[in-house]
Amino acid sequence: MKRFVSAMVLALSLALFAVPAMAGKTLRLAMDADPVSLDPHVQLSGGMLQYSHMVFDPLIRWTQDMQFEGRLAEKWERIDPMTVRFHLRKGVKFHSGNTFTAKDVAWTLDRLKVSPDFKGLFEVFGPAVIVDDYTVDLKTKVAYPLLLNMATYIFPMDSAFYTGKDAAGQDKGAIVKSGPSFANEHESGTGPFVVTEREQGVKLLLNKFDGYWGPRGNLDTIEFKPIANEATRVASILSGDVDWIQPVPPQDYDRLDESKNVDLITLSGTRLITLQLNQKRVPAFADKRVRQAIVYATNNDGIVKKILKGRSTTAGQQSPKGYLGYVEELKPRYDVAKAKELMKEAGFEKGFEVTMIAPNNRYVKDEAIAQAFVAMMDKIGIKVHLKTMPKAQYWDEFDAKVADIQMIGWHSDTEDSANFTEYLLMCASKETGMGAYNSGNYCNPEVDKLINESNAETDRAKRTAMLQQVEKILYEDAAFVPLHWQDLSWAASKKVKNAQAIVNGMDFPYFGDLVME
C-alpha cells in the first residue's frame, strides 16, 4: 500500500529562503536496499544515515579529507573539556514550515539518548543546554574528545511537528522499530529533499525542498528504487534505466570502467577486514611468535591485487590513513621464510590444526579471502578447517566463539582510532561492553589503559601519541591478522557531472550537492 506524506506535499509550495537554482533534473537512484523507515532514529545503519543526509541536515558533517564542515551549525568552540558551544544557522525552515532553533537540537539529543540503536553512542552526553534560540551547548559527563565526531550524527528533527498525539493516540515522537508510528510514516527535516511518496521495498520519491536554507545542486527529484540483486543493479545502469547505483560488486568493476556511458567511482574506505586468533581455544595462539608467524605468512597484498582486483587498501594496522592513530611505518609484512623461522622458534615447526569460520555474504569477497588464507597457512604447517556461512547465521556463531580463527570487519562508529580497539581488542568486559567483538580473547592491560586515557584527553597531540602507541603495541603483539580496508564504490551515468565530489569515506553521498546535465 502506498503511503503519501500529505504534510510534506504542502511543504513543496514553500518558497522561503529559496536560492536561485539551475534547471531541475531527476536522479534515478538504485541502492541495494531502501530506508527501513522515515524515522532517522529507528535504526543505526548506513542506509538510514544516507537517507538522513537527503531529508535532514546534521549540525556538522565530514568532508572527503575527514575534516568537519558546518551545516546547521555555522561555527562552534570548546568552552571547557566537557562542553562545546554551537552557533546555529538562522533563517532555516523545516519542511513543515516551522523555524529551526536550539530547542530542536536539545529535543533531538534527548531522543537519541533513548533510541535503542543510538543510546550507546550518546550515553556519555548530558542534556543539551539552550543558551538562546540560536546557541546551544552540548555537554558530556566527562571530558570527551569525540564530541564533534558525534555531532555528525545529530540531525535536528522538528520538535513541534513530532510533539503531541497522532490519530491513534500514540506519541508522535515515539521510536517504534517495528509497527506503525507517526515518525515512521512522516518526516519534517531541514534537508534538501522532501519525501512525497513511499512504498516500502518498491520506491521512495523525493522532491526538492524549495525552502532549503543553502546552496544546492540542480536536482528537482530523486526516484529511489531498491535493487537487491547485484547483476540486476549493474544491468540497470548499463542499460540507462537508472543514473546511479551503489554498491558496485567488484566483479563488475572492469565492465563498468570500460563503459562509455558510466563512470565508476571508488574511494578508499575505512572498514577494516581482519582475522582474530582465539588464544584461549588454541594455546599456540597465546605465543606471540606464532601470531607473528601467521601475520608474516598472510599475503594480504596478494589478496587485494588478485581477489579484490586492487580495489581495496592493504592494511598493516587498524587505523586507516587520516585517523589519529595511523602510523606511517606500520606496513604489511609478508615474509614466508620469516614465518617459518618464527614457527620453528616457537616449537611448532611441524604445525598444528585449527578451525575457522567466515561469512560468505557480508564483506566483499569474504569467502574467497578466507579460502586464500587457508592456503597461505598451509605453507607454514597450519592446517585450517574452514566453514563459511551467510551473515544471518554467522553472528551467533561469532559471538559464541565456536572456531579458533574468526573473520570480522569493522567500521569505526566514531570515525576514530579508539573505536576499533574498544570493540575488537580491549579485554572483554560484560560490565563496560569493551571487547564486545574480541573473539580472539586478546587482553593487554597497557592497551586498555592507553585507550581509556585517550578517551578523556582533549589535547589532540597528546591523544594522537596515545593512539599511535596502541597501534605500535598491537603490531608488535600481532594481536590480530590485518587484511585490508574495503574500498567504497559507486557508478554514475555520464549525465552526473560531479559524482566524485559528492562521495566520501562514510558512504553517505551528498545528493543535495549533485549536478546533472
Protein backbone atom coordinates (compact mmCIF):
# COMPACT_ATOMS: atom_id res chain seq x y z
CA MET A 1 0.00 0.00 0.00
CA LYS A 2 1.39 3.41 -0.96
CA ARG A 3 1.91 5.93 1.80
CA PHE A 4 1.63 9.59 0.88
CA VAL A 5 3.12 12.11 3.26
CA SER A 6 0.44 14.78 2.90
CA ALA A 7 2.03 17.27 5.30
CA MET A 8 5.16 17.14 3.21
CA VAL A 9 3.34 17.84 -0.05
CA LEU A 10 2.30 21.20 1.41
CA ALA A 11 5.94 21.97 2.04
CA LEU A 12 6.67 21.77 -1.66
CA SER A 13 4.88 25.09 -2.15
CA LEU A 14 7.15 26.88 0.29
CA ALA A 15 9.46 29.41 -1.28
CA LEU A 16 11.02 30.72 1.91
CA PHE A 17 14.74 31.38 1.71
CA ALA A 18 14.90 29.79 -1.72
CA VAL A 19 18.14 30.19 -3.63
CA PRO A 20 18.44 30.53 -7.39
CA ALA A 21 18.69 27.08 -8.91
CA MET A 22 19.78 25.71 -12.23
CA ALA A 23 17.31 23.83 -14.40
CA GLY A 24 15.90 20.98 -12.37
CA LYS A 25 16.75 17.35 -13.08
CA THR A 26 15.68 13.89 -11.93
CA LEU A 27 18.14 11.36 -10.50
CA ARG A 28 17.08 7.72 -10.83
CA LEU A 29 18.85 6.15 -7.87
CA ALA A 30 19.29 2.42 -7.17
CA MET A 31 20.78 1.00 -3.97
CA ASP A 32 20.81 -2.49 -2.51
CA ALA A 33 18.05 -1.53 -0.06
CA ASP A 34 15.79 1.40 0.75
CA PRO A 35 15.46 3.09 4.17
CA VAL A 36 13.55 0.95 6.65
CA SER A 37 11.65 3.96 7.98
CA LEU A 38 11.23 7.72 7.67
CA ASP A 39 12.32 8.00 11.33
CA PRO A 40 16.10 8.67 11.34
CA HIS A 41 16.49 7.23 14.87
CA VAL A 42 14.82 3.88 14.35
CA GLN A 43 17.99 2.16 13.12
CA LEU A 44 21.73 2.87 13.22
CA SER A 45 22.76 1.79 9.73
CA GLY A 46 24.44 3.12 6.63
CA GLY A 47 21.16 3.12 4.73
CA MET A 48 19.39 5.24 7.31
CA LEU A 49 22.27 7.69 7.54
CA GLN A 50 22.27 8.03 3.74
CA TYR A 51 18.56 8.86 3.96
CA SER A 52 19.18 11.33 6.79
CA HIS A 53 21.62 13.33 4.67
CA MET A 54 18.94 13.73 1.98
CA VAL A 55 15.95 14.63 4.13
CA PHE A 56 17.51 16.08 7.30
CA ASP A 57 20.73 18.02 7.88
CA PRO A 58 23.35 17.39 10.58
CA LEU A 59 24.87 20.03 12.81
CA ILE A 60 28.17 19.37 11.05
CA ARG A 61 29.32 16.81 8.50
CA TRP A 62 32.51 15.12 7.34
CA THR A 63 34.40 16.17 4.23
CA GLN A 64 36.28 13.79 1.94
CA ASP A 65 39.53 14.55 3.75
CA MET A 66 37.95 13.76 7.13
CA GLN A 67 37.54 17.35 8.31
CA PHE A 68 34.37 18.93 9.72
CA GLU A 69 32.24 21.46 7.87
CA GLY A 70 29.29 23.33 9.27
CA ARG A 71 25.73 22.59 8.24
CA LEU A 72 23.01 23.65 10.69
CA ALA A 73 25.82 24.85 12.94
CA GLU A 74 27.77 27.74 11.42
CA LYS A 75 30.58 27.64 13.97
CA TRP A 76 31.49 26.04 17.29
CA GLU A 77 34.00 26.35 20.08
CA ARG A 78 35.06 24.29 23.06
CA ILE A 79 34.11 26.08 26.27
CA ASP A 80 35.68 23.54 28.63
CA PRO A 81 36.72 19.86 28.47
CA MET A 82 33.07 18.79 28.76
CA THR A 83 31.30 21.49 26.71
CA VAL A 84 31.21 22.56 23.06
CA ARG A 85 29.08 25.57 22.13
CA PHE A 86 27.34 25.50 18.73
CA HIS A 87 26.20 28.69 16.99
CA LEU A 88 23.25 27.73 14.80
CA ARG A 89 22.32 28.95 11.36
CA LYS A 90 19.46 31.47 11.35
CA GLY A 91 16.63 31.55 8.84
CA VAL A 92 16.39 27.75 8.47
CA LYS A 93 12.95 26.22 7.95
CA PHE A 94 11.74 22.68 8.44
CA HIS A 95 9.70 21.03 5.70
CA SER A 96 6.59 21.76 7.78
CA GLY A 97 7.32 25.48 7.70
CA ASN A 98 8.39 25.59 11.35
CA THR A 99 11.52 27.58 12.21
CA PHE A 100 14.64 25.68 13.30
CA THR A 101 16.02 26.71 16.72
CA ALA A 102 18.19 25.40 19.55
CA LYS A 103 15.09 23.80 21.06
CA ASP A 104 15.07 21.31 18.18
CA VAL A 105 18.69 20.35 18.82
CA ALA A 106 18.01 19.71 22.50
CA TRP A 107 14.85 17.71 21.72
CA THR A 108 16.71 15.61 19.15
CA LEU A 109 19.57 14.83 21.52
CA ASP A 110 17.11 13.70 24.19
CA ARG A 111 15.54 11.39 21.60
CA LEU A 112 18.90 9.95 20.52
CA LYS A 113 19.68 9.12 24.14
CA VAL A 114 16.61 6.84 24.35
CA SER A 115 16.84 5.33 20.86
CA PRO A 116 17.68 1.60 21.23
CA ASP A 117 20.21 1.86 18.40
CA PHE A 118 21.83 5.21 19.22
CA LYS A 119 21.78 5.44 23.01
CA GLY A 120 25.08 3.59 23.43
CA LEU A 121 26.86 6.22 21.34
CA PHE A 122 25.20 9.09 23.23
CA GLU A 123 25.33 7.71 26.78
CA VAL A 124 28.28 9.98 27.56
CA PHE A 125 26.17 13.09 26.78
CA GLY A 126 24.16 15.04 29.32
CA PRO A 127 21.15 17.16 28.32
CA ALA A 128 21.84 19.97 25.89
CA VAL A 129 21.81 23.46 27.40
CA ILE A 130 19.94 26.11 25.39
CA VAL A 131 21.80 29.43 25.63
CA ASP A 132 19.42 31.27 23.32
CA ASP A 133 17.37 30.47 20.22
CA TYR A 134 20.47 30.06 18.07
CA THR A 135 23.11 28.95 20.56
CA VAL A 136 23.26 25.56 22.25
CA ASP A 137 25.84 23.83 24.44
CA LEU A 138 26.43 20.10 24.04
CA LYS A 139 27.80 18.74 27.28
CA THR A 140 29.33 15.39 28.23
CA LYS A 141 29.52 13.76 31.65
CA VAL A 142 33.32 13.52 31.42
CA ALA A 143 35.96 15.16 29.26
CA TYR A 144 35.27 13.71 25.81
CA PRO A 145 37.44 14.42 22.74
CA LEU A 146 34.98 12.95 20.21
CA LEU A 147 32.10 15.35 20.78
CA LEU A 148 32.43 16.81 17.28
CA ASN A 149 32.52 13.33 15.76
CA MET A 150 29.20 12.57 17.44
CA ALA A 151 27.70 15.88 16.33
CA THR A 152 27.75 14.46 12.78
CA TYR A 153 25.04 12.03 13.98
CA ILE A 154 22.77 14.82 15.24
CA PHE A 155 20.22 15.56 12.51
CA PRO A 156 17.84 18.01 14.23
CA MET A 157 14.19 16.98 13.98
CA ASP A 158 11.20 19.31 14.02
CA SER A 159 10.26 19.15 17.71
CA ALA A 160 6.90 20.88 17.20
CA PHE A 161 5.98 18.58 14.31
CA TYR A 162 6.77 15.44 16.34
CA THR A 163 5.13 16.60 19.57
CA GLY A 164 1.59 15.61 20.56
CA LYS A 165 -0.61 12.62 19.76
CA ASP A 166 -1.31 11.05 16.39
CA ALA A 167 -4.69 9.80 15.17
CA ALA A 168 -4.21 6.56 17.10
CA GLY A 169 -3.47 8.43 20.32
CA GLN A 170 0.22 7.49 20.21
CA ASP A 171 3.04 9.92 20.98
CA LYS A 172 4.17 11.40 17.66
CA GLY A 173 7.76 11.27 18.84
CA ALA A 174 7.69 7.57 19.80
CA ILE A 175 10.51 5.44 18.37
CA VAL A 176 8.92 2.23 17.09
CA LYS A 177 11.29 -0.26 15.47
CA SER A 178 8.52 -2.41 14.01
CA GLY A 179 4.91 -1.48 13.53
CA PRO A 180 3.14 1.77 12.74
CA SER A 181 4.12 5.11 14.23
CA PHE A 182 3.81 8.75 13.24
CA ALA A 183 7.59 9.17 12.86
CA ASN A 184 7.89 6.00 10.76
CA GLU A 185 5.47 7.42 8.21
CA HIS A 186 6.01 11.20 8.34
CA GLU A 187 9.06 13.44 8.19
CA SER A 188 9.92 17.08 8.74
CA GLY A 189 13.60 17.80 8.38
CA THR A 190 15.63 20.74 7.14
CA GLY A 191 17.26 18.78 4.32
CA PRO A 192 17.36 19.50 0.59
CA PHE A 193 14.67 16.91 -0.23
CA VAL A 194 11.15 16.17 0.96
CA VAL A 195 9.62 12.71 0.94
CA THR A 196 6.47 12.85 -1.20
CA GLU A 197 5.76 9.16 -1.79
CA ARG A 198 6.92 5.94 -0.25
CA GLU A 199 6.16 2.30 -0.95
CA GLN A 200 8.40 0.22 1.28
CA GLY A 201 10.69 -2.10 -0.69
CA VAL A 202 9.44 -0.68 -4.01
CA LYS A 203 10.26 3.01 -4.30
CA LEU A 204 10.87 6.28 -2.49
CA LEU A 205 10.13 9.58 -4.20
CA LEU A 206 11.89 12.74 -3.00
CA ASN A 207 11.35 16.25 -4.32
CA LYS A 208 13.48 19.31 -3.75
CA PHE A 209 12.58 21.50 -0.76
CA ASP A 210 12.06 24.99 -2.15
CA GLY A 211 12.62 26.48 1.29
CA TYR A 212 16.09 24.93 1.66
CA TRP A 213 18.48 27.18 3.54
CA GLY A 214 21.65 26.80 1.48
CA PRO A 215 23.32 26.30 -1.88
CA ARG A 216 22.50 23.08 -3.66
CA GLY A 217 22.82 21.19 -6.93
CA ASN A 218 20.13 21.11 -9.60
CA LEU A 219 18.05 18.05 -8.70
CA ASP A 220 14.29 18.52 -8.64
CA THR A 221 13.57 14.87 -7.92
CA ILE A 222 15.18 11.66 -6.71
CA GLU A 223 13.46 8.45 -7.74
CA PHE A 224 14.90 5.92 -5.30
CA LYS A 225 14.47 2.25 -6.24
CA PRO A 226 15.89 -0.62 -4.15
CA ILE A 227 17.55 -3.34 -6.27
CA ALA A 228 18.99 -6.07 -4.06
CA ASN A 229 20.33 -8.29 -6.85
CA GLU A 230 23.85 -7.22 -7.86
CA ALA A 231 23.59 -8.30 -11.51
CA THR A 232 20.26 -6.53 -11.94
CA ARG A 233 21.62 -3.36 -10.36
CA VAL A 234 24.61 -3.31 -12.72
CA ALA A 235 22.45 -4.11 -15.75
CA SER A 236 20.15 -1.22 -14.83
CA ILE A 237 22.85 1.41 -15.07
CA LEU A 238 24.46 -0.09 -18.16
CA SER A 239 21.10 -0.02 -19.92
CA GLY A 240 20.43 3.56 -18.83
CA ASP A 241 17.40 2.64 -16.70
CA VAL A 242 18.99 4.32 -13.66
CA ASP A 243 21.57 7.09 -13.21
CA TRP A 244 23.37 5.98 -10.04
CA ILE A 245 23.97 2.66 -8.27
CA GLN A 246 25.66 1.64 -5.03
CA PRO A 247 27.36 -0.51 -4.01
CA VAL A 248 29.11 -1.85 -7.09
CA PRO A 249 30.11 -5.55 -6.97
CA PRO A 250 33.91 -5.90 -7.52
CA GLN A 251 33.43 -8.48 -10.27
CA ASP A 252 31.79 -5.76 -12.38
CA TYR A 253 34.36 -3.00 -11.81
CA ASP A 254 36.17 -3.60 -15.10
CA ARG A 255 32.93 -3.89 -17.04
CA LEU A 256 31.69 -0.56 -15.72
CA ASP A 257 35.10 1.03 -16.13
CA GLU A 258 35.02 0.18 -19.83
CA SER A 259 31.51 1.53 -20.39
CA LYS A 260 31.34 4.75 -22.41
CA ASN A 261 28.18 5.87 -20.62
CA VAL A 262 29.10 5.15 -17.00
CA ASP A 263 31.69 6.46 -14.55
CA LEU A 264 32.96 4.05 -11.89
CA ILE A 265 33.93 5.88 -8.70
CA THR A 266 35.92 4.19 -5.95
CA LEU A 267 37.30 5.60 -2.74
CA SER A 268 39.48 4.03 -0.11
CA GLY A 269 37.18 3.10 2.74
CA THR A 270 37.76 2.77 6.47
CA ARG A 271 36.13 -0.62 7.13
CA LEU A 272 38.95 -2.88 8.30
CA ILE A 273 38.76 -6.60 7.47
CA THR A 274 40.63 -8.77 9.98
CA LEU A 275 41.03 -12.28 11.40
CA GLN A 276 41.06 -12.94 15.14
CA LEU A 277 43.09 -15.76 16.72
CA ASN A 278 41.48 -17.29 19.82
CA GLN A 279 44.20 -17.53 22.45
CA LYS A 280 42.03 -19.44 24.93
CA ARG A 281 40.94 -22.14 22.49
CA VAL A 282 44.42 -22.62 20.97
CA PRO A 283 47.38 -22.49 23.39
CA ALA A 284 49.74 -21.93 20.46
CA PHE A 285 48.00 -18.65 19.70
CA ALA A 286 48.97 -17.38 23.16
CA ASP A 287 52.58 -17.41 21.89
CA LYS A 288 53.35 -14.07 20.26
CA ARG A 289 55.80 -15.74 17.87
CA VAL A 290 53.05 -17.95 16.44
CA ARG A 291 50.73 -14.98 15.96
CA GLN A 292 53.55 -13.08 14.27
CA ALA A 293 54.22 -16.09 12.04
CA ILE A 294 50.60 -16.13 10.90
CA VAL A 295 50.73 -12.42 10.07
CA TYR A 296 54.02 -12.88 8.17
CA ALA A 297 52.51 -15.80 6.22
CA THR A 298 49.43 -13.80 5.18
CA ASN A 299 49.87 -12.25 1.75
CA ASN A 300 47.26 -9.55 2.21
CA ASP A 301 48.73 -7.51 -0.62
CA GLY A 302 48.18 -10.52 -2.88
CA ILE A 303 44.58 -10.78 -1.68
CA VAL A 304 43.96 -7.15 -2.61
CA LYS A 305 45.61 -7.45 -6.02
CA LYS A 306 44.28 -10.83 -7.13
CA ILE A 307 40.94 -11.31 -5.36
CA LEU A 308 39.83 -7.70 -4.97
CA LYS A 309 41.37 -6.54 -8.27
CA GLY A 310 43.26 -3.78 -6.47
CA ARG A 311 40.05 -2.19 -5.21
CA SER A 312 40.98 -2.10 -1.52
CA THR A 313 43.89 -0.81 0.54
CA THR A 314 46.24 -3.32 2.13
CA ALA A 315 46.40 -2.87 5.92
CA GLY A 316 49.17 -3.42 8.43
CA GLN A 317 47.31 -1.82 11.34
CA GLN A 318 43.79 -0.86 12.43
CA SER A 319 43.83 2.88 11.76
CA PRO A 320 43.42 3.99 8.14
CA LYS A 321 45.34 7.00 6.92
CA GLY A 322 43.71 10.18 8.20
CA TYR A 323 42.83 8.75 11.61
CA LEU A 324 44.77 9.98 14.64
CA GLY A 325 46.20 6.54 15.41
CA TYR A 326 47.62 5.92 11.93
CA VAL A 327 51.37 5.18 12.00
CA GLU A 328 53.09 5.53 8.63
CA GLU A 329 55.80 2.92 9.28
CA LEU A 330 53.45 0.08 10.28
CA LYS A 331 53.37 -1.66 6.91
CA PRO A 332 52.12 -5.14 5.92
CA ARG A 333 54.88 -7.74 6.50
CA TYR A 334 54.52 -10.70 4.14
CA ASP A 335 57.57 -12.99 4.50
CA VAL A 336 57.02 -16.76 4.43
CA ALA A 337 60.63 -17.55 5.32
CA LYS A 338 60.37 -15.34 8.41
CA ALA A 339 57.07 -17.01 9.30
CA LYS A 340 58.63 -20.49 9.14
CA GLU A 341 61.54 -19.29 11.27
CA LEU A 342 59.15 -18.00 13.95
CA MET A 343 57.12 -21.24 13.94
CA LYS A 344 60.32 -23.24 14.47
CA GLU A 345 61.48 -20.89 17.21
CA ALA A 346 58.15 -21.34 19.00
CA GLY A 347 58.39 -25.14 18.78
CA PHE A 348 55.70 -25.59 16.14
CA GLU A 349 57.83 -26.43 13.13
CA LYS A 350 55.51 -29.33 12.30
CA GLY A 351 52.47 -27.12 12.61
CA PHE A 352 49.01 -27.92 14.03
CA GLU A 353 45.32 -27.96 13.06
CA VAL A 354 42.69 -25.32 13.78
CA THR A 355 39.11 -24.43 12.85
CA MET A 356 37.95 -21.22 11.20
CA ILE A 357 34.65 -19.54 10.34
CA ALA A 358 33.90 -16.70 7.95
CA PRO A 359 30.77 -15.19 6.40
CA ASN A 360 30.10 -15.69 2.70
CA ASN A 361 27.92 -12.65 2.02
CA ARG A 362 28.90 -9.92 4.48
CA TYR A 363 32.18 -8.45 3.21
CA VAL A 364 33.46 -8.05 -0.32
CA LYS A 365 34.72 -11.48 -1.50
CA ASP A 366 34.78 -12.72 2.11
CA GLU A 367 34.61 -16.43 1.26
CA ALA A 368 37.32 -16.21 -1.39
CA ILE A 369 39.57 -14.30 1.03
CA ALA A 370 39.05 -16.94 3.72
CA GLN A 371 39.92 -19.71 1.28
CA ALA A 372 43.09 -17.88 0.22
CA PHE A 373 44.11 -17.52 3.87
CA VAL A 374 43.68 -21.28 4.39
CA ALA A 375 46.10 -21.95 1.51
CA MET A 376 48.61 -19.46 2.91
CA MET A 377 48.59 -21.10 6.35
CA ASP A 378 49.23 -24.49 4.78
CA LYS A 379 52.66 -23.19 3.72
CA ILE A 380 53.74 -22.90 7.36
CA GLY A 381 52.18 -26.17 8.52
CA ILE A 382 48.93 -24.84 9.93
CA LYS A 383 46.01 -26.86 8.59
CA VAL A 384 42.84 -24.77 8.74
CA HIS A 385 39.38 -26.37 8.62
CA LEU A 386 37.20 -23.61 7.19
CA LYS A 387 33.44 -23.25 7.42
CA THR A 388 31.62 -20.35 5.76
CA MET A 389 28.00 -19.32 6.17
CA PRO A 390 25.52 -16.50 5.42
CA LYS A 391 25.70 -13.45 7.68
CA ALA A 392 22.27 -14.25 9.13
CA GLN A 393 23.82 -17.35 10.74
CA TYR A 394 27.34 -16.06 11.17
CA TRP A 395 26.99 -13.57 14.01
CA ASP A 396 25.52 -16.04 16.50
CA GLU A 397 28.44 -18.36 15.75
CA PHE A 398 30.91 -15.50 16.03
CA ASP A 399 29.53 -14.39 19.40
CA ALA A 400 29.70 -17.96 20.68
CA LYS A 401 33.38 -18.12 19.59
CA VAL A 402 32.84 -21.53 18.03
CA ALA A 403 36.07 -21.50 16.00
CA ASP A 404 39.76 -20.91 16.58
CA ILE A 405 40.00 -18.25 13.86
CA GLN A 406 37.13 -15.88 13.04
CA MET A 407 36.73 -13.13 10.46
CA ILE A 408 35.34 -9.71 11.30
CA GLY A 409 35.18 -6.34 9.60
CA TRP A 410 34.83 -3.08 11.48
CA HIS A 411 33.98 0.48 10.53
CA SER A 412 34.60 2.91 13.36
CA ASP A 413 31.30 4.29 14.66
CA THR A 414 33.07 7.49 15.62
CA GLU A 415 35.47 7.72 12.63
CA ASP A 416 38.21 7.48 15.26
CA SER A 417 41.00 5.01 16.00
CA ALA A 418 39.94 4.20 19.56
CA ASN A 419 36.66 2.63 18.45
CA PHE A 420 38.47 -0.24 16.69
CA THR A 421 40.34 -1.21 19.84
CA GLU A 422 37.37 -0.67 22.15
CA TYR A 423 35.30 -3.29 20.38
CA LEU A 424 37.86 -5.63 18.82
CA LEU A 425 40.87 -5.83 21.14
CA MET A 426 40.29 -4.46 24.64
CA CYS A 427 39.99 -7.04 27.43
CA ALA A 428 36.42 -8.32 27.14
CA SER A 429 34.10 -6.97 29.85
CA LYS A 430 30.35 -7.50 30.08
CA GLU A 431 30.17 -4.66 32.62
CA THR A 432 31.68 -1.99 30.36
CA GLY A 433 30.88 -3.53 26.97
CA MET A 434 34.51 -3.17 25.94
CA GLY A 435 35.90 -6.01 23.84
CA ALA A 436 32.38 -6.99 22.77
CA TYR A 437 33.70 -8.35 19.44
CA ASN A 438 37.06 -9.60 20.72
CA SER A 439 36.69 -13.26 19.73
CA GLY A 440 40.47 -13.71 19.91
CA ASN A 441 40.48 -13.13 23.68
CA TYR A 442 43.45 -10.80 23.32
CA CYS A 443 44.00 -8.85 26.53
CA ASN A 444 46.73 -6.31 27.22
CA PRO A 445 46.18 -4.02 30.26
CA GLU A 446 48.59 -1.45 28.83
CA VAL A 447 46.44 -1.14 25.70
CA ASP A 448 43.28 -0.77 27.80
CA LYS A 449 44.91 1.92 29.92
CA LEU A 450 46.03 3.92 26.89
CA ILE A 451 42.61 3.73 25.24
CA ASN A 452 40.79 4.79 28.40
CA GLU A 453 43.18 7.69 28.89
CA SER A 454 42.89 8.74 25.24
CA ASN A 455 39.10 8.91 25.55
CA ALA A 456 39.44 11.53 28.27
CA GLU A 457 42.23 13.51 26.58
CA THR A 458 41.11 16.59 24.67
CA ASP A 459 44.60 17.72 23.67
CA ARG A 460 44.85 16.46 20.09
CA ALA A 461 48.62 15.99 20.06
CA LYS A 462 48.64 14.04 23.31
CA ARG A 463 45.73 11.90 22.21
CA THR A 464 47.39 11.16 18.87
CA ALA A 465 50.52 9.95 20.66
CA MET A 466 48.45 7.60 22.84
CA LEU A 467 46.54 6.11 19.93
CA GLN A 468 49.69 5.65 17.87
CA GLN A 469 51.35 3.91 20.81
CA VAL A 470 48.40 1.49 20.90
CA GLU A 471 48.87 0.67 17.21
CA LYS A 472 52.59 0.01 17.75
CA ILE A 473 51.88 -2.35 20.65
CA LEU A 474 49.22 -4.24 18.68
CA TYR A 475 51.58 -4.51 15.70
CA GLU A 476 54.40 -5.93 17.80
CA ASP A 477 52.00 -8.28 19.60
CA ALA A 478 50.41 -9.44 16.32
CA ALA A 479 47.18 -9.05 18.26
CA PHE A 480 45.14 -9.77 15.12
CA VAL A 481 45.66 -10.51 11.43
CA PRO A 482 45.13 -7.29 9.42
CA LEU A 483 43.94 -7.80 5.86
CA HIS A 484 42.71 -4.60 4.18
CA TRP A 485 40.40 -1.62 4.29
CA GLN A 486 37.50 -2.17 1.90
CA ASP A 487 37.05 0.29 -0.94
CA LEU A 488 33.71 2.00 -1.37
CA SER A 489 32.20 2.04 -4.84
CA TRP A 490 29.55 3.86 -6.82
CA ALA A 491 28.65 4.02 -10.51
CA ALA A 492 27.07 7.06 -12.13
CA SER A 493 25.74 7.94 -15.54
CA LYS A 494 27.86 10.36 -17.56
CA LYS A 495 24.95 12.78 -17.10
CA VAL A 496 26.11 13.21 -13.49
CA LYS A 497 28.76 15.92 -13.54
CA ASN A 498 30.20 15.97 -10.02
CA ALA A 499 29.89 12.38 -8.77
CA GLN A 500 33.44 12.26 -7.42
CA ALA A 501 32.90 15.44 -5.40
CA ILE A 502 29.79 14.28 -3.50
CA VAL A 503 31.06 10.88 -2.25
CA ASN A 504 33.03 10.26 0.92
CA GLY A 505 34.58 7.56 3.09
CA MET A 506 31.44 7.24 5.22
CA ASP A 507 29.45 6.15 2.13
CA PHE A 508 26.90 8.97 2.51
CA PRO A 509 26.82 10.67 -0.91
CA TYR A 510 25.69 14.26 -0.52
CA PHE A 511 22.96 14.15 -3.18
CA GLY A 512 21.84 17.65 -2.27
CA ASP A 513 25.04 18.89 -3.93
CA LEU A 514 24.68 16.78 -7.07
CA VAL A 515 24.63 18.37 -10.52
CA MET A 516 23.31 16.69 -13.68
CA GLU A 517 23.48 17.90 -17.26
